[in-house]
């Protein structure tokens, strides 16, 4: 029941954010979104975007790709559909409302899965990653762009002080980068290949998790 409650709360929050999300975040998130889209395209043409939101990442996918996008929020998806139509994004296919923890796709359907700025908001991140692993083809990658908290050192202490402020804009410092490594360690076929800093000044990170062939 707790997960159900969280999902309802998320839908209400996204409905409020949908009209202004692009204006607030378009420039701040652009570097990470662009790099995530290009990293996904390097894995193959069939891409799933989990947490497509208002579709900010969609224009960054190369023309040869076929992108499927899912999101929990109908309000956000309406904006994504508008972008697809207005910008004639032919590389974008299905845009659907779906829970990241219950993906309605067959096993091994996608060459890559992008997860832009949503993994820290999912009530059950490991459950969502399990589903992504299931629908990912062997040799494919899960590419996560997010605010991933530092596990130790001065950065961790600074982030702890900033946590209340960061929470107000919808991010969580409580989600550490090591959580991805810990999840991958429970699956012999999954390996964290890289966690690299992106704009602004490394505040955000991009993680690439590869599935063995």
Protein backbone atom coordinates (compact mmCIF):
# COMPACT_ATOMS: atom_id res chain seq x y z
CA UNK A 1 0.00 0.00 0.00
CA UNK A 2 2.92 2.36 0.68
CA UNK A 3 4.06 2.11 -2.94
CA UNK A 4 0.52 2.78 -4.17
CA UNK A 5 0.38 5.92 -1.99
CA UNK A 6 3.72 7.13 -3.27
CA UNK A 7 2.63 6.68 -6.87
CA UNK A 8 -0.53 8.71 -6.28
CA UNK A 9 1.49 11.46 -4.62
CA UNK A 10 3.91 11.47 -7.54
CA UNK A 11 1.09 11.81 -10.07
CA UNK A 12 -0.29 14.81 -8.19
CA UNK A 13 3.16 16.41 -8.02
CA UNK A 14 3.82 15.84 -11.72
CA UNK A 15 0.45 17.34 -12.64
CA UNK A 16 1.51 20.57 -10.91
CA UNK A 17 4.98 20.55 -12.47
CA UNK A 18 3.93 19.72 -16.05
CA UNK A 19 3.03 23.28 -17.18
CA UNK A 20 6.30 24.83 -15.94
CA UNK A 21 8.80 21.96 -16.00
CA UNK A 22 10.42 22.88 -19.31
CA UNK A 23 10.91 26.53 -18.40
CA UNK A 24 12.58 25.61 -15.11
CA UNK A 25 14.82 22.75 -16.22
CA UNK A 26 15.47 22.95 -19.97
CA UNK A 27 18.92 24.58 -19.72
CA UNK A 28 19.99 23.06 -16.41
CA UNK A 29 19.49 19.46 -17.54
CA UNK A 30 20.42 19.80 -21.22
CA UNK A 31 24.03 18.59 -20.98
CA UNK A 32 23.14 15.41 -19.10
CA UNK A 33 20.13 14.73 -21.32
CA UNK A 34 22.11 15.14 -24.53
CA UNK A 35 24.93 12.90 -23.34
CA UNK A 36 22.50 10.23 -22.13
CA UNK A 37 20.66 10.19 -25.48
CA UNK A 38 23.89 9.90 -27.47
CA UNK A 39 25.25 7.19 -25.18
CA UNK A 40 22.05 5.21 -25.67
CA UNK A 41 22.20 5.62 -29.45
CA UNK A 42 25.73 4.21 -29.46
CA UNK A 43 24.31 0.92 -28.14
CA UNK A 44 21.78 0.44 -30.93
CA UNK A 45 18.64 2.00 -32.43
CA UNK A 46 15.91 0.54 -30.19
CA UNK A 47 15.76 2.69 -27.06
CA UNK A 48 13.40 2.85 -24.10
CA UNK A 49 13.26 6.04 -22.06
CA UNK A 50 11.94 5.49 -18.55
CA UNK A 51 10.54 8.72 -17.14
CA UNK A 52 10.15 10.54 -20.44
CA UNK A 53 8.32 13.37 -18.67
CA UNK A 54 7.57 16.33 -20.94
CA UNK A 55 9.90 14.94 -23.60
CA UNK A 56 12.90 17.20 -23.04
CA UNK A 57 15.33 14.43 -24.05
CA UNK A 58 13.46 13.32 -27.18
CA UNK A 59 14.99 15.83 -29.65
CA UNK A 60 18.50 14.67 -28.72
CA UNK A 61 18.08 11.13 -30.06
CA UNK A 62 19.58 10.72 -33.56
CA UNK A 63 17.21 10.28 -36.49
CA UNK A 64 18.12 6.60 -37.01
CA UNK A 65 16.81 5.64 -33.53
CA UNK A 66 13.41 4.27 -32.59
CA UNK A 67 12.53 5.61 -29.15
CA UNK A 68 9.76 4.39 -26.86
CA UNK A 69 8.95 6.59 -23.88
CA UNK A 70 7.05 5.80 -20.70
CA UNK A 71 6.03 7.93 -17.74
CA UNK A 72 3.73 7.65 -14.77
CA UNK A 73 2.11 11.04 -15.42
CA UNK A 74 -0.51 11.64 -18.11
CA UNK A 75 0.01 15.39 -17.69
CA UNK A 76 3.71 15.09 -18.47
CA UNK A 77 3.05 12.73 -21.38
CA UNK A 78 0.69 15.23 -23.00
CA UNK A 79 3.61 17.66 -23.24
CA UNK A 80 5.84 14.93 -24.69
CA UNK A 81 3.24 14.09 -27.35
CA UNK A 82 3.02 17.79 -28.26
CA UNK A 83 6.81 17.92 -28.76
CA UNK A 84 6.74 14.78 -30.88
CA UNK A 85 4.07 16.28 -33.14
CA UNK A 86 5.21 19.91 -33.29
CA UNK A 87 8.90 19.08 -33.87
CA UNK A 88 8.16 16.12 -36.14
CA UNK A 89 10.32 13.77 -34.12
CA UNK A 90 10.07 10.73 -36.38
CA UNK A 91 12.53 8.81 -34.21
CA UNK A 92 9.94 8.79 -31.41
CA UNK A 93 7.38 5.99 -31.38
CA UNK A 94 5.10 4.94 -28.54
CA UNK A 95 4.64 7.32 -25.61
CA UNK A 96 2.68 5.59 -22.86
CA UNK A 97 1.72 5.80 -19.20
CA UNK A 98 3.45 2.97 -17.36
CA UNK A 99 4.94 2.09 -13.98
CA UNK A 100 8.72 1.64 -14.15
CA UNK A 101 8.36 -1.37 -11.86
CA UNK A 102 5.91 -3.12 -14.21
CA UNK A 103 7.10 -2.59 -17.78
CA UNK A 104 4.72 -3.96 -20.39
CA UNK A 105 7.40 -5.14 -22.81
CA UNK A 106 8.83 -8.53 -23.71
CA UNK A 107 12.19 -9.69 -22.41
CA UNK A 108 15.25 -8.37 -24.28
CA UNK A 109 13.32 -5.76 -26.29
CA UNK A 110 15.71 -2.78 -26.22
CA UNK A 111 19.33 -2.01 -27.11
CA UNK A 112 19.50 0.67 -24.43
CA UNK A 113 17.40 2.21 -21.67
CA UNK A 114 17.73 5.83 -20.62
CA UNK A 115 16.62 6.96 -17.17
CA UNK A 116 16.86 10.77 -17.06
CA UNK A 117 16.42 12.32 -13.61
CA UNK A 118 13.87 9.84 -12.29
CA UNK A 119 15.66 6.94 -10.55
CA UNK A 120 15.80 8.80 -7.21
CA UNK A 121 12.04 9.43 -7.35
CA UNK A 122 10.93 5.84 -7.96
CA UNK A 123 9.51 4.28 -4.75
CA UNK A 124 11.36 1.01 -5.51
CA UNK A 125 14.50 1.83 -7.56
CA UNK A 126 15.90 -1.71 -7.38
CA UNK A 127 12.58 -3.12 -8.55
CA UNK A 128 12.60 -0.71 -11.49
CA UNK A 129 16.18 -1.65 -12.34
CA UNK A 130 15.18 -5.33 -12.26
CA UNK A 131 12.49 -4.60 -14.85
CA UNK A 132 14.90 -2.62 -17.00
CA UNK A 133 17.38 -5.49 -16.88
CA UNK A 134 14.62 -7.86 -18.01
CA UNK A 135 13.68 -5.84 -21.10
CA UNK A 136 17.29 -4.97 -22.00
CA UNK A 137 19.05 -6.98 -24.69
CA UNK A 138 22.34 -8.74 -23.88
CA UNK A 139 25.15 -6.30 -24.55
CA UNK A 140 22.85 -3.33 -23.97
CA UNK A 141 23.15 -0.56 -21.39
CA UNK A 142 21.03 1.19 -18.78
CA UNK A 143 22.06 4.85 -18.84
CA UNK A 144 21.12 6.89 -15.80
CA UNK A 145 21.40 10.68 -15.53
CA UNK A 146 20.67 11.93 -12.04
CA UNK A 147 21.80 13.63 -8.88
CA UNK A 148 23.73 10.81 -7.25
CA UNK A 149 24.96 11.60 -3.76
CA UNK A 150 28.60 11.18 -2.78
CA UNK A 151 29.37 8.21 -0.53
CA UNK A 152 32.22 9.85 1.40
CA UNK A 153 34.54 12.84 1.65
CA UNK A 154 33.94 16.61 1.67
CA UNK A 155 31.31 16.39 -1.08
CA UNK A 156 29.15 14.15 1.09
CA UNK A 157 29.21 16.68 3.95
CA UNK A 158 28.39 19.61 1.67
CA UNK A 159 25.51 17.67 0.13
CA UNK A 160 24.15 16.81 3.57
CA UNK A 161 23.97 20.51 4.41
CA UNK A 162 22.22 21.25 1.11
CA UNK A 163 19.78 18.33 1.38
CA UNK A 164 16.73 20.35 2.57
CA UNK A 165 17.14 22.86 -0.27
CA UNK A 166 17.72 20.19 -2.90
CA UNK A 167 14.64 18.28 -1.75
CA UNK A 168 12.45 21.31 -2.46
CA UNK A 169 13.29 21.13 -6.17
CA UNK A 170 12.53 17.42 -6.39
CA UNK A 171 15.95 15.80 -6.03
CA UNK A 172 17.32 13.51 -3.37
CA UNK A 173 20.86 13.45 -2.06
CA UNK A 174 20.01 10.33 -0.07
CA UNK A 175 20.37 8.22 -3.24
CA UNK A 176 24.09 7.39 -3.39
CA UNK A 177 26.05 6.30 -6.43
CA UNK A 178 27.00 3.12 -4.56
CA UNK A 179 23.36 2.04 -4.64
CA UNK A 180 23.70 1.35 -8.34
CA UNK A 181 26.90 -0.65 -7.80
CA UNK A 182 25.25 -2.60 -5.00
CA UNK A 183 22.31 -3.46 -7.25
CA UNK A 184 24.59 -4.53 -10.11
CA UNK A 185 26.56 -6.74 -7.72
CA UNK A 186 23.42 -8.83 -7.13
CA UNK A 187 23.20 -9.61 -10.86
CA UNK A 188 26.26 -11.35 -12.36
CA UNK A 189 25.33 -10.18 -15.86
CA UNK A 190 25.22 -6.47 -14.94
CA UNK A 191 28.24 -4.21 -14.46
CA UNK A 192 28.61 -0.49 -13.75
CA UNK A 193 30.98 0.60 -16.53
CA UNK A 194 31.28 4.27 -15.69
CA UNK A 195 29.91 7.07 -13.52
CA UNK A 196 30.98 10.43 -14.96
CA UNK A 197 30.26 14.04 -13.96
CA UNK A 198 28.15 16.28 -16.18
CA UNK A 199 27.05 19.92 -16.13
CA UNK A 200 26.84 21.90 -13.92
CA UNK A 201 30.34 21.35 -12.46
CA UNK A 202 29.72 17.65 -11.91
CA UNK A 203 26.64 18.28 -9.75
CA UNK A 204 24.83 15.68 -11.88
CA UNK A 205 26.23 12.28 -12.85
CA UNK A 206 25.74 9.89 -15.75
CA UNK A 207 26.04 6.18 -15.00
CA UNK A 208 26.33 3.42 -17.60
CA UNK A 209 25.39 -0.12 -16.53
CA UNK A 210 26.07 -2.82 -19.12
CA UNK A 211 24.40 -6.20 -19.52
CA UNK A 212 26.73 -9.05 -20.51
CA UNK A 213 26.26 -10.72 -23.87
